[in-house]
Amino acid sequence: MMGSRVLLLLGLLPLAAGAVERLPLRDGEYAFRHRSAEHSNFPAPPLVAHITGTRIVLVNRKPSSVFPLGVVAEGELMWHAASKQWVLGHNPADRTAEEVGGCSDGPEVVDLRRRVYWTC
């Protein structure tokens, strides 16, 4: 009995600290849009997002002046607790970067609910 309580409490610690957020999308292929923080109304090609676990690969399948054909970006989906946003991470420090998205030096934002990949 006592052991199960301890395991339950240990399992809830990351949630209490706000360190863990559940991905709102399952593994699969999804249609995404691209938006630029500087030019939010600039037309961009549709993207395809391949999600496997926390890994995401964003692909452009249509010729455009914005992105070349093929893989546009890839990395780990990480919850950035301070901004309450998903970011495209490449190293553990991206989870706690001072700034994210926009034209900052931090990781790019991936809005999984609206299915938007944000760049500068």
C-alpha atoms as a PDB file:
ATOM      1  CA  MET A   1       0.000   0.000   0.000  1.00  0.00           C
ATOM      2  CA  MET A   2       2.707   2.492   1.010  1.00  0.00           C
ATOM      3  CA  GLY A   3       4.805   1.614  -2.060  1.00  0.00           C
ATOM      4  CA  SER A   4       1.949   2.360  -4.461  1.00  0.00           C
ATOM      5  CA  ARG A   5       1.400   5.777  -2.831  1.00  0.00           C
ATOM      6  CA  VAL A   6       5.058   6.640  -3.233  1.00  0.00           C
ATOM      7  CA  LEU A   7       5.003   5.587  -6.889  1.00  0.00           C
ATOM      8  CA  LEU A   8       1.866   7.641  -7.503  1.00  0.00           C
ATOM      9  CA  LEU A   9       3.416  10.727  -5.904  1.00  0.00           C
ATOM     10  CA  LEU A  10       6.667  10.295  -7.810  1.00  0.00           C
ATOM     11  CA  GLY A  11       4.684   9.994 -11.017  1.00  0.00           C
ATOM     12  CA  LEU A  12       2.889  13.289 -10.313  1.00  0.00           C
ATOM     13  CA  LEU A  13       6.010  15.333  -9.485  1.00  0.00           C
ATOM     14  CA  PRO A  14       6.791  16.378 -13.090  1.00  0.00           C
ATOM     15  CA  LEU A  15       3.178  17.495 -13.570  1.00  0.00           C
ATOM     16  CA  ALA A  16       3.221  19.537 -10.381  1.00  0.00           C
ATOM     17  CA  ALA A  17       6.383  21.299 -11.497  1.00  0.00           C
ATOM     18  CA  GLY A  18       4.826  22.144 -14.877  1.00  0.00           C
ATOM     19  CA  ALA A  19       7.685  20.323 -16.569  1.00  0.00           C
ATOM     20  CA  VAL A  20       5.536  17.973 -18.613  1.00  0.00           C
ATOM     21  CA  GLU A  21       2.813  18.735 -21.105  1.00  0.00           C
ATOM     22  CA  ARG A  22       1.131  16.024 -23.123  1.00  0.00           C
ATOM     23  CA  LEU A  23       1.449  16.310 -26.900  1.00  0.00           C
ATOM     24  CA  PRO A  24      -1.955  17.232 -28.347  1.00  0.00           C
ATOM     25  CA  LEU A  25      -1.258  15.189 -31.509  1.00  0.00           C
ATOM     26  CA  ARG A  26      -0.679  11.463 -31.890  1.00  0.00           C
ATOM     27  CA  ASP A  27       1.917   9.890 -34.140  1.00  0.00           C
ATOM     28  CA  GLY A  28       1.023  10.497 -37.753  1.00  0.00           C
ATOM     29  CA  GLU A  29       1.072  12.876 -40.690  1.00  0.00           C
ATOM     30  CA  TYR A  30      -0.586  16.298 -40.409  1.00  0.00           C
ATOM     31  CA  ALA A  31      -1.147  19.327 -42.640  1.00  0.00           C
ATOM     32  CA  PHE A  32       0.601  22.399 -41.200  1.00  0.00           C
ATOM     33  CA  ARG A  33       0.833  26.042 -42.209  1.00  0.00           C
ATOM     34  CA  HIS A  34       3.868  28.269 -42.026  1.00  0.00           C
ATOM     35  CA  ARG A  35       3.716  31.733 -40.504  1.00  0.00           C
ATOM     36  CA  SER A  36       6.466  34.307 -40.256  1.00  0.00           C
ATOM     37  CA  ALA A  37       6.709  36.531 -37.179  1.00  0.00           C
ATOM     38  CA  GLU A  38       7.901  39.398 -39.382  1.00  0.00           C
ATOM     39  CA  HIS A  39       5.490  38.865 -42.274  1.00  0.00           C
ATOM     40  CA  SER A  40       2.470  37.063 -40.843  1.00  0.00           C
ATOM     41  CA  ASN A  41       0.375  37.505 -44.015  1.00  0.00           C
ATOM     42  CA  PHE A  42       3.103  36.361 -46.404  1.00  0.00           C
ATOM     43  CA  PRO A  43       1.851  33.411 -48.483  1.00  0.00           C
ATOM     44  CA  ALA A  44       3.746  30.225 -47.765  1.00  0.00           C
ATOM     45  CA  PRO A  45       3.387  26.682 -49.044  1.00  0.00           C
ATOM     46  CA  PRO A  46       1.504  24.129 -46.980  1.00  0.00           C
ATOM     47  CA  LEU A  47       3.746  21.830 -44.985  1.00  0.00           C
ATOM     48  CA  VAL A  48       3.394  18.225 -43.945  1.00  0.00           C
ATOM     49  CA  ALA A  49       4.392  17.347 -40.394  1.00  0.00           C
ATOM     50  CA  HIS A  50       5.465  13.804 -39.583  1.00  0.00           C
ATOM     51  CA  ILE A  51       5.227  13.211 -35.840  1.00  0.00           C
ATOM     52  CA  THR A  52       6.661  10.142 -34.151  1.00  0.00           C
ATOM     53  CA  GLY A  53       6.704  10.332 -30.381  1.00  0.00           C
ATOM     54  CA  THR A  54       8.219  13.731 -29.671  1.00  0.00           C
ATOM     55  CA  ARG A  55      10.073  13.892 -32.980  1.00  0.00           C
ATOM     56  CA  ILE A  56       8.752  16.164 -35.762  1.00  0.00           C
ATOM     57  CA  VAL A  57       9.835  16.517 -39.379  1.00  0.00           C
ATOM     58  CA  LEU A  58       8.310  19.367 -41.410  1.00  0.00           C
ATOM     59  CA  VAL A  59       8.310  18.832 -45.177  1.00  0.00           C
ATOM     60  CA  ASN A  60       7.532  21.110 -48.114  1.00  0.00           C
ATOM     61  CA  ARG A  61       6.064  19.170 -51.043  1.00  0.00           C
ATOM     62  CA  LYS A  62       5.271  22.139 -53.341  1.00  0.00           C
ATOM     63  CA  PRO A  63       7.764  24.408 -55.131  1.00  0.00           C
ATOM     64  CA  SER A  64       7.865  27.864 -53.546  1.00  0.00           C
ATOM     65  CA  SER A  65      10.105  30.860 -53.026  1.00  0.00           C
ATOM     66  CA  VAL A  66       9.793  30.469 -49.247  1.00  0.00           C
ATOM     67  CA  PHE A  67      11.164  26.943 -48.759  1.00  0.00           C
ATOM     68  CA  PRO A  68      12.990  24.477 -50.979  1.00  0.00           C
ATOM     69  CA  LEU A  69      11.333  21.125 -51.635  1.00  0.00           C
ATOM     70  CA  GLY A  70      11.958  18.547 -48.940  1.00  0.00           C
ATOM     71  CA  VAL A  71      12.689  18.764 -45.233  1.00  0.00           C
ATOM     72  CA  VAL A  72      12.265  22.308 -43.925  1.00  0.00           C
ATOM     73  CA  ALA A  73      12.955  21.602 -40.242  1.00  0.00           C
ATOM     74  CA  GLU A  74      13.193  18.716 -37.836  1.00  0.00           C
ATOM     75  CA  GLY A  75      13.828  18.170 -34.164  1.00  0.00           C
ATOM     76  CA  GLU A  76      12.279  17.306 -30.830  1.00  0.00           C
ATOM     77  CA  LEU A  77       8.988  18.784 -29.712  1.00  0.00           C
ATOM     78  CA  MET A  78       9.673  20.259 -26.287  1.00  0.00           C
ATOM     79  CA  TRP A  79       7.290  21.985 -23.919  1.00  0.00           C
ATOM     80  CA  HIS A  80       8.647  25.413 -23.005  1.00  0.00           C
ATOM     81  CA  ALA A  81       6.952  25.937 -19.647  1.00  0.00           C
ATOM     82  CA  ALA A  82       7.807  29.635 -19.289  1.00  0.00           C
ATOM     83  CA  SER A  83       6.051  30.586 -22.546  1.00  0.00           C
ATOM     84  CA  LYS A  84       3.535  27.721 -22.429  1.00  0.00           C
ATOM     85  CA  GLN A  85       4.361  26.795 -26.029  1.00  0.00           C
ATOM     86  CA  TRP A  86       5.779  23.839 -27.920  1.00  0.00           C
ATOM     87  CA  VAL A  87       9.179  24.509 -29.452  1.00  0.00           C
ATOM     88  CA  LEU A  88      11.323  22.763 -32.028  1.00  0.00           C
ATOM     89  CA  GLY A  89      14.244  21.750 -29.849  1.00  0.00           C
ATOM     90  CA  HIS A  90      17.706  20.574 -30.730  1.00  0.00           C
ATOM     91  CA  ASN A  91      19.265  20.345 -27.266  1.00  0.00           C
ATOM     92  CA  PRO A  92      17.965  20.110 -23.680  1.00  0.00           C
ATOM     93  CA  ALA A  93      18.622  23.833 -23.033  1.00  0.00           C
ATOM     94  CA  ASP A  94      15.880  24.707 -25.530  1.00  0.00           C
ATOM     95  CA  ARG A  95      13.292  23.702 -22.891  1.00  0.00           C
ATOM     96  CA  THR A  96      14.390  26.605 -20.691  1.00  0.00           C
ATOM     97  CA  ALA A  97      15.579  29.168 -23.262  1.00  0.00           C
ATOM     98  CA  GLU A  98      15.065  32.787 -22.203  1.00  0.00           C
ATOM     99  CA  GLU A  99      13.244  33.595 -25.448  1.00  0.00           C
ATOM    100  CA  VAL A 100      11.449  31.433 -27.986  1.00  0.00           C
ATOM    101  CA  GLY A 101       9.909  32.044 -31.370  1.00  0.00           C
ATOM    102  CA  GLY A 102       9.589  35.281 -33.243  1.00  0.00           C
ATOM    103  CA  CYS A 103      12.982  36.541 -34.301  1.00  0.00           C
ATOM    104  CA  SER A 104      14.728  35.610 -31.069  1.00  0.00           C
ATOM    105  CA  ASP A 105      17.828  33.477 -30.779  1.00  0.00           C
ATOM    106  CA  GLY A 106      15.724  30.801 -29.089  1.00  0.00           C
ATOM    107  CA  PRO A 107      14.009  27.774 -30.618  1.00  0.00           C
ATOM    108  CA  GLU A 108      11.168  28.139 -33.106  1.00  0.00           C
ATOM    109  CA  VAL A 109       7.573  27.718 -31.972  1.00  0.00           C
ATOM    110  CA  VAL A 110       5.376  24.903 -33.282  1.00  0.00           C
ATOM    111  CA  ASP A 111       1.705  25.508 -32.521  1.00  0.00           C
ATOM    112  CA  LEU A 112       0.407  21.946 -32.396  1.00  0.00           C
ATOM    113  CA  ARG A 113      -3.211  22.907 -31.736  1.00  0.00           C
ATOM    114  CA  ARG A 114      -3.505  25.283 -34.707  1.00  0.00           C
ATOM    115  CA  ARG A 115      -0.884  23.326 -36.673  1.00  0.00           C
ATOM    116  CA  VAL A 116       1.362  26.272 -37.443  1.00  0.00           C
ATOM    117  CA  TYR A 117       5.159  26.335 -37.761  1.00  0.00           C
ATOM    118  CA  TRP A 118       6.465  29.803 -36.825  1.00  0.00           C
ATOM    119  CA  THR A 119       9.730  31.265 -38.107  1.00  0.00           C
ATOM    120  CA  CYS A 120      11.246  34.742 -38.343  1.00  0.00           C
END
